[in-house]
Amino acid sequence: MFGSNFQRHLVAAVASILMSSIAIGAAVAPSDLSASPIEMPAHA
């Protein structure tokens, strides 16, 4: 069935994007905060 298969792929894609963005945010945030706290709102 097309609907359930598409939904499964969509959920997997969204989950992977979410996880990667969280991982990148966790890796980048500490360096941004220590390096230039004034520029942080521009990135967010």
PDB file of N, CA and C in Angstrom:
ATOM      1  N   MET A   1       0.841  -1.197   0.000  1.00  0.00           N
ATOM      2  CA  MET A   1       0.000   0.000   0.000  1.00  0.00           C
ATOM      3  C   MET A   1       0.882   1.256   0.000  1.00  0.00           C
ATOM      4  N   PHE A   2       0.575   2.187  -0.872  1.00  0.00           N
ATOM      5  CA  PHE A   2       1.441   3.357  -1.066  1.00  0.00           C
ATOM      6  C   PHE A   2       1.470   4.264   0.172  1.00  0.00           C
ATOM      7  N   GLY A   3       0.303   4.478   0.770  1.00  0.00           N
ATOM      8  CA  GLY A   3       0.207   5.422   1.880  1.00  0.00           C
ATOM      9  C   GLY A   3       1.089   5.047   3.056  1.00  0.00           C
ATOM     10  N   SER A   4       1.002   3.812   3.517  1.00  0.00           N
ATOM     11  CA  SER A   4       1.765   3.416   4.690  1.00  0.00           C
ATOM     12  C   SER A   4       3.261   3.394   4.389  1.00  0.00           C
ATOM     13  N   ASN A   5       3.633   2.962   3.183  1.00  0.00           N
ATOM     14  CA  ASN A   5       5.044   2.920   2.813  1.00  0.00           C
ATOM     15  C   ASN A   5       5.612   4.333   2.741  1.00  0.00           C
ATOM     16  N   PHE A   6       4.870   5.241   2.129  1.00  0.00           N
ATOM     17  CA  PHE A   6       5.318   6.631   2.038  1.00  0.00           C
ATOM     18  C   PHE A   6       5.447   7.253   3.429  1.00  0.00           C
ATOM     19  N   GLN A   7       4.461   6.983   4.281  1.00  0.00           N
ATOM     20  CA  GLN A   7       4.489   7.538   5.627  1.00  0.00           C
ATOM     21  C   GLN A   7       5.697   7.012   6.397  1.00  0.00           C
ATOM     22  N   ARG A   8       6.004   5.735   6.216  1.00  0.00           N
ATOM     23  CA  ARG A   8       7.149   5.143   6.910  1.00  0.00           C
ATOM     24  C   ARG A   8       8.446   5.817   6.466  1.00  0.00           C
ATOM     25  N   HIS A   9       8.587   6.047   5.157  1.00  0.00           N
ATOM     26  CA  HIS A   9       9.791   6.712   4.653  1.00  0.00           C
ATOM     27  C   HIS A   9       9.849   8.158   5.137  1.00  0.00           C
ATOM     28  N   LEU A  10       8.706   8.821   5.165  1.00  0.00           N
ATOM     29  CA  LEU A  10       8.661  10.214   5.613  1.00  0.00           C
ATOM     30  C   LEU A  10       9.071  10.318   7.074  1.00  0.00           C
ATOM     31  N   VAL A  11       8.530   9.432   7.906  1.00  0.00           N
ATOM     32  CA  VAL A  11       8.878   9.443   9.329  1.00  0.00           C
ATOM     33  C   VAL A  11      10.365   9.159   9.512  1.00  0.00           C
ATOM     34  N   ALA A  12      10.910   8.210   8.741  1.00  0.00           N
ATOM     35  CA  ALA A  12      12.330   7.881   8.848  1.00  0.00           C
ATOM     36  C   ALA A  12      13.193   9.067   8.428  1.00  0.00           C
ATOM     37  N   ALA A  13      12.790   9.753   7.357  1.00  0.00           N
ATOM     38  CA  ALA A  13      13.558  10.901   6.875  1.00  0.00           C
ATOM     39  C   ALA A  13      13.525  12.042   7.894  1.00  0.00           C
ATOM     40  N   VAL A  14      12.342  12.332   8.421  1.00  0.00           N
ATOM     41  CA  VAL A  14      12.210  13.402   9.411  1.00  0.00           C
ATOM     42  C   VAL A  14      13.014  13.068  10.668  1.00  0.00           C
ATOM     43  N   ALA A  15      12.951  11.803  11.096  1.00  0.00           N
ATOM     44  CA  ALA A  15      13.685  11.398  12.293  1.00  0.00           C
ATOM     45  C   ALA A  15      15.187  11.533  12.085  1.00  0.00           C
ATOM     46  N   SER A  16      15.686  11.147  10.913  1.00  0.00           N
ATOM     47  CA  SER A  16      17.125  11.237  10.657  1.00  0.00           C
ATOM     48  C   SER A  16      17.579  12.693  10.573  1.00  0.00           C
ATOM     49  N   ILE A  17      16.761  13.545   9.959  1.00  0.00           N
ATOM     50  CA  ILE A  17      17.095  14.974   9.889  1.00  0.00           C
ATOM     51  C   ILE A  17      17.097  15.580  11.291  1.00  0.00           C
ATOM     52  N   LEU A  18      16.099  15.218  12.088  1.00  0.00           N
ATOM     53  CA  LEU A  18      16.007  15.733  13.442  1.00  0.00           C
ATOM     54  C   LEU A  18      17.215  15.308  14.275  1.00  0.00           C
ATOM     55  N   MET A  19      17.584  14.033  14.177  1.00  0.00           N
ATOM     56  CA  MET A  19      18.721  13.522  14.942  1.00  0.00           C
ATOM     57  C   MET A  19      20.018  14.197  14.505  1.00  0.00           C
ATOM     58  N   SER A  20      20.195  14.379  13.194  1.00  0.00           N
ATOM     59  CA  SER A  20      21.427  14.992  12.703  1.00  0.00           C
ATOM     60  C   SER A  20      21.493  16.467  13.124  1.00  0.00           C
ATOM     61  N   SER A  21      20.359  17.166  13.083  1.00  0.00           N
ATOM     62  CA  SER A  21      20.355  18.568  13.481  1.00  0.00           C
ATOM     63  C   SER A  21      20.623  18.712  14.975  1.00  0.00           C
ATOM     64  N   ILE A  22      20.089  17.795  15.787  1.00  0.00           N
ATOM     65  CA  ILE A  22      20.361  17.814  17.225  1.00  0.00           C
ATOM     66  C   ILE A  22      21.836  17.540  17.480  1.00  0.00           C
ATOM     67  N   ALA A  23      22.405  16.567  16.755  1.00  0.00           N
ATOM     68  CA  ALA A  23      23.817  16.231  16.934  1.00  0.00           C
ATOM     69  C   ALA A  23      24.708  17.403  16.530  1.00  0.00           C
ATOM     70  N   ILE A  24      24.381  18.040  15.401  1.00  0.00           N
ATOM     71  CA  ILE A  24      25.165  19.196  14.938  1.00  0.00           C
ATOM     72  C   ILE A  24      25.020  20.352  15.932  1.00  0.00           C
ATOM     73  N   GLY A  25      23.805  20.581  16.405  1.00  0.00           N
ATOM     74  CA  GLY A  25      23.574  21.655  17.373  1.00  0.00           C
ATOM     75  C   GLY A  25      24.346  21.426  18.661  1.00  0.00           C
ATOM     76  N   ALA A  26      24.370  20.178  19.137  1.00  0.00           N
ATOM     77  CA  ALA A  26      25.094  19.864  20.368  1.00  0.00           C
ATOM     78  C   ALA A  26      26.592  20.029  20.169  1.00  0.00           C
ATOM     79  N   ALA A  27      27.074  19.734  18.961  1.00  0.00           N
ATOM     80  CA  ALA A  27      28.508  19.848  18.694  1.00  0.00           C
ATOM     81  C   ALA A  27      28.927  21.306  18.489  1.00  0.00           C
ATOM     82  N   VAL A  28      28.044  22.103  17.865  1.00  0.00           N
ATOM     83  CA  VAL A  28      28.406  23.475  17.503  1.00  0.00           C
ATOM     84  C   VAL A  28      28.126  24.472  18.629  1.00  0.00           C
ATOM     85  N   ALA A  29      27.052  24.264  19.379  1.00  0.00           N
ATOM     86  CA  ALA A  29      26.629  25.238  20.388  1.00  0.00           C
ATOM     87  C   ALA A  29      27.717  25.589  21.405  1.00  0.00           C
ATOM     88  N   PRO A  30      28.399  24.620  22.020  1.00  0.00           N
ATOM     89  CA  PRO A  30      29.428  24.978  23.012  1.00  0.00           C
ATOM     90  C   PRO A  30      30.537  25.852  22.433  1.00  0.00           C
ATOM     91  N   SER A  31      30.990  25.567  21.215  1.00  0.00           N
ATOM     92  CA  SER A  31      32.058  26.360  20.609  1.00  0.00           C
ATOM     93  C   SER A  31      31.553  27.765  20.263  1.00  0.00           C
ATOM     94  N   ASP A  32      30.298  27.865  19.813  1.00  0.00           N
ATOM     95  CA  ASP A  32      29.737  29.177  19.510  1.00  0.00           C
ATOM     96  C   ASP A  32      29.590  30.012  20.786  1.00  0.00           C
ATOM     97  N   LEU A  33      29.140  29.372  21.858  1.00  0.00           N
ATOM     98  CA  LEU A  33      28.945  30.102  23.109  1.00  0.00           C
ATOM     99  C   LEU A  33      30.268  30.594  23.668  1.00  0.00           C
ATOM    100  N   SER A  34      31.312  29.769  23.595  1.00  0.00           N
ATOM    101  CA  SER A  34      32.602  30.159  24.151  1.00  0.00           C
ATOM    102  C   SER A  34      33.330  31.143  23.239  1.00  0.00           C
ATOM    103  N   ALA A  35      33.127  31.013  21.923  1.00  0.00           N
ATOM    104  CA  ALA A  35      33.857  31.855  20.978  1.00  0.00           C
ATOM    105  C   ALA A  35      33.201  33.231  20.839  1.00  0.00           C
ATOM    106  N   SER A  36      31.894  33.266  20.501  1.00  0.00           N
ATOM    107  CA  SER A  36      31.238  34.549  20.251  1.00  0.00           C
ATOM    108  C   SER A  36      29.768  34.475  20.659  1.00  0.00           C
ATOM    109  N   PRO A  37      29.458  34.767  21.907  1.00  0.00           N
ATOM    110  CA  PRO A  37      28.064  34.693  22.377  1.00  0.00           C
ATOM    111  C   PRO A  37      27.164  35.746  21.727  1.00  0.00           C
ATOM    112  N   ILE A  38      27.748  36.799  21.168  1.00  0.00           N
ATOM    113  CA  ILE A  38      26.943  37.863  20.560  1.00  0.00           C
ATOM    114  C   ILE A  38      26.397  37.411  19.217  1.00  0.00           C
ATOM    115  N   GLU A  39      27.132  36.556  18.487  1.00  0.00           N
ATOM    116  CA  GLU A  39      26.689  36.113  17.178  1.00  0.00           C
ATOM    117  C   GLU A  39      25.732  34.939  17.243  1.00  0.00           C
ATOM    118  N   MET A  40      25.505  34.373  18.415  1.00  0.00           N
ATOM    119  CA  MET A  40      24.671  33.173  18.534  1.00  0.00           C
ATOM    120  C   MET A  40      23.248  33.406  18.016  1.00  0.00           C
ATOM    121  N   PRO A  41      22.540  34.498  18.345  1.00  0.00           N
ATOM    122  CA  PRO A  41      21.180  34.686  17.837  1.00  0.00           C
ATOM    123  C   PRO A  41      21.120  34.767  16.318  1.00  0.00           C
ATOM    124  N   ALA A  42      22.185  35.199  15.670  1.00  0.00           N
ATOM    125  CA  ALA A  42      22.198  35.299  14.213  1.00  0.00           C
ATOM    126  C   ALA A  42      22.136  33.906  13.593  1.00  0.00           C
ATOM    127  N   HIS A  43      22.820  32.926  14.204  1.00  0.00           N
ATOM    128  CA  HIS A  43      22.798  31.563  13.685  1.00  0.00           C
ATOM    129  C   HIS A  43      21.435  30.919  13.943  1.00  0.00           C
ATOM    130  N   ALA A  44      20.846  31.209  15.121  1.00  0.00           N
ATOM    131  CA  ALA A  44      19.555  30.608  15.469  1.00  0.00           C
ATOM    132  C   ALA A  44      18.455  31.358  14.741  1.00  0.00           C
TER     133      ALA A  44
END
